[in-house]
Each structure stands twice: as C-alpha cells, then as structure tokens.
C-alpha cells in the first residue's frame, strides 16, 4: 500500500492520553492493514505509513522498553 493510494480525508486521528499539553505529540489513525502517523503540530504535513505488522512490532518494543534511554 502506498501513501499516495490512501485517502485520509475521513481519518479519525488519535493521540496518546499520556500526551502533555505542550503540543509535541504524534497522532495515529488505523487503516485497513496499516497505521498512519503524523505530527500533531502539522496536521497537513507529511504522514508516515506503516504496515499493521510493523506497527505492532514497534508497539511491542516500546512496551518492552527497547527504546528507553
């Protein structure tokens, strides 16, 4: 799936409930077989597209602390 083939006009974007009020957040939207991610400060800017499997791997790594400093 290419981002150029994805219609995001009706997407429902969500950000983490753990996001602070400083605006430094990412937003995600679930698509059929994929997840799109964007910067909440720039909603008309670039969007990253991940397969559902890759997104699941990322979330599992995050929960396991793989990205902790």
PDB file of N, CA and C in Angstrom:
ATOM      1  N   UNK A   1       0.853  -1.177   0.000  1.00  0.00           N
ATOM      2  CA  UNK A   1       0.000   0.000   0.000  1.00  0.00           C
ATOM      3  C   UNK A   1       0.899   1.240   0.000  1.00  0.00           C
ATOM      4  N   UNK A   2       0.653   2.120  -0.889  1.00  0.00           N
ATOM      5  CA  UNK A   2       1.388   3.370  -0.987  1.00  0.00           C
ATOM      6  C   UNK A   2       0.566   4.493  -0.363  1.00  0.00           C
ATOM      7  N   UNK A   3       1.246   5.416   0.263  1.00  0.00           N
ATOM      8  CA  UNK A   3       0.544   6.544   0.880  1.00  0.00           C
ATOM      9  C   UNK A   3      -0.229   7.340  -0.158  1.00  0.00           C
ATOM     10  N   UNK A   4       0.256   7.365  -1.384  1.00  0.00           N
ATOM     11  CA  UNK A   4      -0.441   8.100  -2.442  1.00  0.00           C
ATOM     12  C   UNK A   4      -1.785   7.455  -2.784  1.00  0.00           C
ATOM     13  N   UNK A   5      -1.968   6.199  -2.386  1.00  0.00           N
ATOM     14  CA  UNK A   5      -3.205   5.488  -2.664  1.00  0.00           C
ATOM     15  C   UNK A   5      -4.173   5.521  -1.485  1.00  0.00           C
ATOM     16  N   UNK A   6      -3.788   6.176  -0.387  1.00  0.00           N
ATOM     17  CA  UNK A   6      -4.590   6.175   0.830  1.00  0.00           C
ATOM     18  C   UNK A   6      -5.339   7.496   0.954  1.00  0.00           C
ATOM     19  N   UNK A   7      -6.637   7.395   1.130  1.00  0.00           N
ATOM     20  CA  UNK A   7      -7.463   8.580   1.338  1.00  0.00           C
ATOM     21  C   UNK A   7      -7.593   8.813   2.843  1.00  0.00           C
ATOM     22  N   UNK A   8      -7.009   9.890   3.339  1.00  0.00           N
ATOM     23  CA  UNK A   8      -7.037  10.195   4.770  1.00  0.00           C
ATOM     24  C   UNK A   8      -8.039  11.291   5.107  1.00  0.00           C
ATOM     25  N   UNK A   9      -8.867  11.667   4.146  1.00  0.00           N
ATOM     26  CA  UNK A   9      -9.782  12.789   4.363  1.00  0.00           C
ATOM     27  C   UNK A   9     -10.805  12.510   5.468  1.00  0.00           C
ATOM     28  N   UNK A  10     -11.181  11.253   5.662  1.00  0.00           N
ATOM     29  CA  UNK A  10     -12.142  10.902   6.713  1.00  0.00           C
ATOM     30  C   UNK A  10     -11.479  10.223   7.908  1.00  0.00           C
ATOM     31  N   UNK A  11     -10.155  10.260   7.958  1.00  0.00           N
ATOM     32  CA  UNK A  11      -9.434   9.576   9.035  1.00  0.00           C
ATOM     33  C   UNK A  11      -9.750  10.223  10.383  1.00  0.00           C
ATOM     34  N   UNK A  12      -9.845   9.378  11.388  1.00  0.00           N
ATOM     35  CA  UNK A  12     -10.028   9.845  12.761  1.00  0.00           C
ATOM     36  C   UNK A  12      -8.673   9.707  13.447  1.00  0.00           C
ATOM     37  N   UNK A  13      -8.021  10.833  13.670  1.00  0.00           N
ATOM     38  CA  UNK A  13      -6.685  10.855  14.252  1.00  0.00           C
ATOM     39  C   UNK A  13      -6.784  10.837  15.769  1.00  0.00           C
ATOM     40  N   UNK A  14      -5.871  10.085  16.393  1.00  0.00           N
ATOM     41  CA  UNK A  14      -5.846   9.978  17.851  1.00  0.00           C
ATOM     42  C   UNK A  14      -4.440  10.232  18.353  1.00  0.00           C
ATOM     43  N   UNK A  15      -4.342  10.801  19.548  1.00  0.00           N
ATOM     44  CA  UNK A  15      -3.043  10.889  20.195  1.00  0.00           C
ATOM     45  C   UNK A  15      -3.143  10.288  21.579  1.00  0.00           C
ATOM     46  N   UNK A  16      -2.033   9.937  22.110  1.00  0.00           N
ATOM     47  CA  UNK A  16      -1.994   9.250  23.392  1.00  0.00           C
ATOM     48  C   UNK A  16      -2.631  10.088  24.493  1.00  0.00           C
ATOM     49  N   UNK A  17      -3.314   9.409  25.387  1.00  0.00           N
ATOM     50  CA  UNK A  17      -3.866  10.100  26.558  1.00  0.00           C
ATOM     51  C   UNK A  17      -2.741  10.545  27.477  1.00  0.00           C
ATOM     52  N   UNK A  18      -1.548  10.029  27.273  1.00  0.00           N
ATOM     53  CA  UNK A  18      -0.382  10.435  28.069  1.00  0.00           C
ATOM     54  C   UNK A  18       0.314  11.659  27.498  1.00  0.00           C
ATOM     55  N   UNK A  19      -0.174  12.149  26.391  1.00  0.00           N
ATOM     56  CA  UNK A  19       0.431  13.347  25.787  1.00  0.00           C
ATOM     57  C   UNK A  19       0.208  14.543  26.695  1.00  0.00           C
ATOM     58  N   UNK A  20       1.233  15.332  26.836  1.00  0.00           N
ATOM     59  CA  UNK A  20       1.105  16.550  27.619  1.00  0.00           C
ATOM     60  C   UNK A  20       0.447  17.636  26.790  1.00  0.00           C
ATOM     61  N   UNK A  21       0.249  18.768  27.380  1.00  0.00           N
ATOM     62  CA  UNK A  21      -0.381  19.879  26.686  1.00  0.00           C
ATOM     63  C   UNK A  21       0.585  20.741  25.898  1.00  0.00           C
ATOM     64  N   UNK A  22       1.830  20.290  25.731  1.00  0.00           N
ATOM     65  CA  UNK A  22       2.839  21.115  25.059  1.00  0.00           C
ATOM     66  C   UNK A  22       2.801  21.019  23.542  1.00  0.00           C
ATOM     67  N   UNK A  23       1.970  20.142  22.995  1.00  0.00           N
ATOM     68  CA  UNK A  23       1.826  20.052  21.539  1.00  0.00           C
ATOM     69  C   UNK A  23       2.861  19.201  20.843  1.00  0.00           C
ATOM     70  N   UNK A  24       3.810  18.638  21.576  1.00  0.00           N
ATOM     71  CA  UNK A  24       4.838  17.788  20.974  1.00  0.00           C
ATOM     72  C   UNK A  24       4.368  16.344  20.944  1.00  0.00           C
ATOM     73  N   UNK A  25       3.436  16.060  20.069  1.00  0.00           N
ATOM     74  CA  UNK A  25       2.813  14.741  20.025  1.00  0.00           C
ATOM     75  C   UNK A  25       2.762  14.222  18.594  1.00  0.00           C
ATOM     76  N   UNK A  26       2.577  12.928  18.505  1.00  0.00           N
ATOM     77  CA  UNK A  26       2.239  12.335  17.220  1.00  0.00           C
ATOM     78  C   UNK A  26       0.800  11.851  17.310  1.00  0.00           C
ATOM     79  N   UNK A  27       0.171  11.773  16.167  1.00  0.00           N
ATOM     80  CA  UNK A  27      -1.190  11.261  16.085  1.00  0.00           C
ATOM     81  C   UNK A  27      -1.172  10.054  15.161  1.00  0.00           C
ATOM     82  N   UNK A  28      -2.052   9.105  15.424  1.00  0.00           N
ATOM     83  CA  UNK A  28      -2.145   7.912  14.595  1.00  0.00           C
ATOM     84  C   UNK A  28      -3.582   7.706  14.141  1.00  0.00           C
ATOM     85  N   UNK A  29      -3.716   6.996  13.056  1.00  0.00           N
ATOM     86  CA  UNK A  29      -5.031   6.556  12.600  1.00  0.00           C
ATOM     87  C   UNK A  29      -4.881   5.153  12.024  1.00  0.00           C
ATOM     88  N   UNK A  30      -5.811   4.298  12.385  1.00  0.00           N
ATOM     89  CA  UNK A  30      -5.796   2.925  11.888  1.00  0.00           C
ATOM     90  C   UNK A  30      -6.472   2.868  10.527  1.00  0.00           C
ATOM     91  N   UNK A  31      -5.825   2.167   9.621  1.00  0.00           N
ATOM     92  CA  UNK A  31      -6.347   1.976   8.268  1.00  0.00           C
ATOM     93  C   UNK A  31      -6.507   0.476   8.039  1.00  0.00           C
ATOM     94  N   UNK A  32      -7.001   0.098   6.930  1.00  0.00           N
ATOM     95  CA  UNK A  32      -7.120  -1.317   6.600  1.00  0.00           C
ATOM     96  C   UNK A  32      -5.724  -1.897   6.371  1.00  0.00           C
ATOM     97  N   UNK A  33      -5.206  -2.620   7.358  1.00  0.00           N
ATOM     98  CA  UNK A  33      -3.896  -3.251   7.225  1.00  0.00           C
ATOM     99  C   UNK A  33      -2.719  -2.338   7.434  1.00  0.00           C
ATOM    100  N   UNK A  34      -2.950  -1.116   7.903  1.00  0.00           N
ATOM    101  CA  UNK A  34      -1.851  -0.175   8.071  1.00  0.00           C
ATOM    102  C   UNK A  34      -2.178   0.839   9.170  1.00  0.00           C
ATOM    103  N   UNK A  35      -1.164   1.598   9.546  1.00  0.00           N
ATOM    104  CA  UNK A  35      -1.325   2.687  10.509  1.00  0.00           C
ATOM    105  C   UNK A  35      -0.600   3.898   9.946  1.00  0.00           C
ATOM    106  N   UNK A  36      -1.262   5.049   9.972  1.00  0.00           N
ATOM    107  CA  UNK A  36      -0.649   6.295   9.529  1.00  0.00           C
ATOM    108  C   UNK A  36      -0.294   7.110  10.770  1.00  0.00           C
ATOM    109  N   UNK A  37       0.827   7.832  10.687  1.00  0.00           N
ATOM    110  CA  UNK A  37       1.327   8.626  11.803  1.00  0.00           C
ATOM    111  C   UNK A  37       1.669  10.020  11.282  1.00  0.00           C
ATOM    112  N   UNK A  38       1.313  11.046  12.067  1.00  0.00           N
ATOM    113  CA  UNK A  38       1.644  12.424  11.682  1.00  0.00           C
ATOM    114  C   UNK A  38       2.000  13.234  12.928  1.00  0.00           C
ATOM    115  N   UNK A  39       2.579  14.389  12.708  1.00  0.00           N
ATOM    116  CA  UNK A  39       2.918  15.332  13.767  1.00  0.00           C
ATOM    117  C   UNK A  39       1.675  16.152  14.095  1.00  0.00           C
ATOM    118  N   UNK A  40       1.274  16.168  15.361  1.00  0.00           N
ATOM    119  CA  UNK A  40       0.047  16.880  15.730  1.00  0.00           C
ATOM    120  C   UNK A  40       0.153  18.381  15.505  1.00  0.00           C
ATOM    121  N   UNK A  41       1.377  18.919  15.483  1.00  0.00           N
ATOM    122  CA  UNK A  41       1.553  20.358  15.245  1.00  0.00           C
ATOM    123  C   UNK A  41       1.414  20.720  13.767  1.00  0.00           C
ATOM    124  N   UNK A  42       1.464  19.720  12.907  1.00  0.00           N
ATOM    125  CA  UNK A  42       1.432  19.957  11.460  1.00  0.00           C
ATOM    126  C   UNK A  42       0.470  18.963  10.795  1.00  0.00           C
ATOM    127  N   UNK A  43      -0.831  19.087  11.072  1.00  0.00           N
ATOM    128  CA  UNK A  43      -1.784  18.088  10.583  1.00  0.00           C
ATOM    129  C   UNK A  43      -1.900  17.998   9.063  1.00  0.00           C
ATOM    130  N   UNK A  44      -1.459  18.991   8.336  1.00  0.00           N
ATOM    131  CA  UNK A  44      -1.490  18.916   6.876  1.00  0.00           C
ATOM    132  C   UNK A  44      -0.124  18.559   6.302  1.00  0.00           C
ATOM    133  N   UNK A  45       0.822  18.277   7.179  1.00  0.00           N
ATOM    134  CA  UNK A  45       2.185  17.947   6.759  1.00  0.00           C
ATOM    135  C   UNK A  45       2.335  16.483   6.388  1.00  0.00           C
ATOM    136  N   UNK A  46       3.584  16.029   6.362  1.00  0.00           N
ATOM    137  CA  UNK A  46       3.870  14.654   5.943  1.00  0.00           C
ATOM    138  C   UNK A  46       3.238  13.616   6.865  1.00  0.00           C
ATOM    139  N   UNK A  47       2.951  12.466   6.291  1.00  0.00           N
ATOM    140  CA  UNK A  47       2.380  11.331   7.015  1.00  0.00           C
ATOM    141  C   UNK A  47       3.267  10.120   6.758  1.00  0.00           C
ATOM    142  N   UNK A  48       3.548   9.372   7.809  1.00  0.00           N
ATOM    143  CA  UNK A  48       4.276   8.113   7.676  1.00  0.00           C
ATOM    144  C   UNK A  48       3.260   6.980   7.679  1.00  0.00           C
ATOM    145  N   UNK A  49       3.504   5.978   6.870  1.00  0.00           N
ATOM    146  CA  UNK A  49       2.590   4.843   6.759  1.00  0.00           C
ATOM    147  C   UNK A  49       3.354   3.565   7.105  1.00  0.00           C
ATOM    148  N   UNK A  50       2.813   2.793   8.051  1.00  0.00           N
ATOM    149  CA  UNK A  50       3.423   1.548   8.492  1.00  0.00           C
ATOM    150  C   UNK A  50       2.434   0.405   8.293  1.00  0.00           C
ATOM    151  N   UNK A  51       2.951  -0.757   7.965  1.00  0.00           N
ATOM    152  CA  UNK A  51       2.067  -1.924   7.912  1.00  0.00           C
ATOM    153  C   UNK A  51       1.596  -2.210   9.331  1.00  0.00           C
ATOM    154  N   UNK A  52       0.472  -2.888   9.441  1.00  0.00           N
ATOM    155  CA  UNK A  52      -0.041  -3.233  10.766  1.00  0.00           C
ATOM    156  C   UNK A  52       0.969  -4.102  11.521  1.00  0.00           C
ATOM    157  N   UNK A  53       1.644  -4.996  10.815  1.00  0.00           N
ATOM    158  CA  UNK A  53       2.644  -5.861  11.453  1.00  0.00           C
ATOM    159  C   UNK A  53       3.827  -5.057  11.980  1.00  0.00           C
ATOM    160  N   UNK A  54       4.330  -4.127  11.173  1.00  0.00           N
ATOM    161  CA  UNK A  54       5.455  -3.293  11.617  1.00  0.00           C
ATOM    162  C   UNK A  54       5.053  -2.421  12.801  1.00  0.00           C
ATOM    163  N   UNK A  55       3.853  -1.877  12.769  1.00  0.00           N
ATOM    164  CA  UNK A  55       3.373  -1.043  13.878  1.00  0.00           C
ATOM    165  C   UNK A  55       3.259  -1.883  15.151  1.00  0.00           C
ATOM    166  N   UNK A  56       2.756  -3.104  15.019  1.00  0.00           N
ATOM    167  CA  UNK A  56       2.658  -4.000  16.171  1.00  0.00           C
ATOM    168  C   UNK A  56       4.021  -4.318  16.762  1.00  0.00           C
ATOM    169  N   UNK A  57       5.007  -4.526  15.901  1.00  0.00           N
ATOM    170  CA  UNK A  57       6.373  -4.774  16.368  1.00  0.00           C
ATOM    171  C   UNK A  57       6.916  -3.556  17.104  1.00  0.00           C
ATOM    172  N   UNK A  58       6.672  -2.371  16.577  1.00  0.00           N
ATOM    173  CA  UNK A  58       7.103  -1.137  17.231  1.00  0.00           C
ATOM    174  C   UNK A  58       6.454  -0.996  18.606  1.00  0.00           C
ATOM    175  N   UNK A  59       5.145  -1.217  18.686  1.00  0.00           N
ATOM    176  CA  UNK A  59       4.451  -1.098  19.971  1.00  0.00           C
ATOM    177  C   UNK A  59       4.969  -2.113  20.982  1.00  0.00           C
ATOM    178  N   UNK A  60       5.201  -3.339  20.537  1.00  0.00           N
ATOM    179  CA  UNK A  60       5.724  -4.368  21.440  1.00  0.00           C
ATOM    180  C   UNK A  60       7.096  -3.967  21.964  1.00  0.00           C
ATOM    181  N   UNK A  61       7.945  -3.423  21.088  1.00  0.00           N
ATOM    182  CA  UNK A  61       9.264  -2.964  21.513  1.00  0.00           C
ATOM    183  C   UNK A  61       9.185  -1.813  22.495  1.00  0.00           C
ATOM    184  N   UNK A  62       8.238  -0.918  22.260  1.00  0.00           N
ATOM    185  CA  UNK A  62       8.046   0.212  23.169  1.00  0.00           C
ATOM    186  C   UNK A  62       7.624  -0.282  24.544  1.00  0.00           C
ATOM    187  N   UNK A  63       6.662  -1.196  24.577  1.00  0.00           N
ATOM    188  CA  UNK A  63       6.191  -1.742  25.857  1.00  0.00           C
ATOM    189  C   UNK A  63       7.269  -2.530  26.573  1.00  0.00           C
ATOM    190  N   UNK A  64       8.175  -3.143  25.821  1.00  0.00           N
ATOM    191  CA  UNK A  64       9.262  -3.930  26.414  1.00  0.00           C
ATOM    192  C   UNK A  64      10.440  -3.064  26.835  1.00  0.00           C
ATOM    193  N   UNK A  65      10.372  -1.757  26.567  1.00  0.00           N
ATOM    194  CA  UNK A  65      11.448  -0.850  26.982  1.00  0.00           C
ATOM    195  C   UNK A  65      12.630  -0.787  26.038  1.00  0.00           C
ATOM    196  N   UNK A  66      12.489  -1.300  24.819  1.00  0.00           N
ATOM    197  CA  UNK A  66      13.598  -1.294  23.875  1.00  0.00           C
ATOM    198  C   UNK A  66      14.096   0.102  23.517  1.00  0.00           C
ATOM    199  N   UNK A  67      13.260   1.095  23.665  1.00  0.00           N
ATOM    200  CA  UNK A  67      13.636   2.454  23.255  1.00  0.00           C
ATOM    201  C   UNK A  67      13.908   3.373  24.443  1.00  0.00           C
ATOM    202  N   UNK A  68      13.875   2.814  25.641  1.00  0.00           N
ATOM    203  CA  UNK A  68      14.159   3.632  26.827  1.00  0.00           C
ATOM    204  C   UNK A  68      15.616   4.064  26.813  1.00  0.00           C
ATOM    205  N   UNK A  69      15.861   5.229  27.301  1.00  0.00           N
ATOM    206  CA  UNK A  69      17.235   5.719  27.380  1.00  0.00           C
ATOM    207  C   UNK A  69      17.785   5.496  28.762  1.00  0.00           C
TER     208      UNK A  69
END
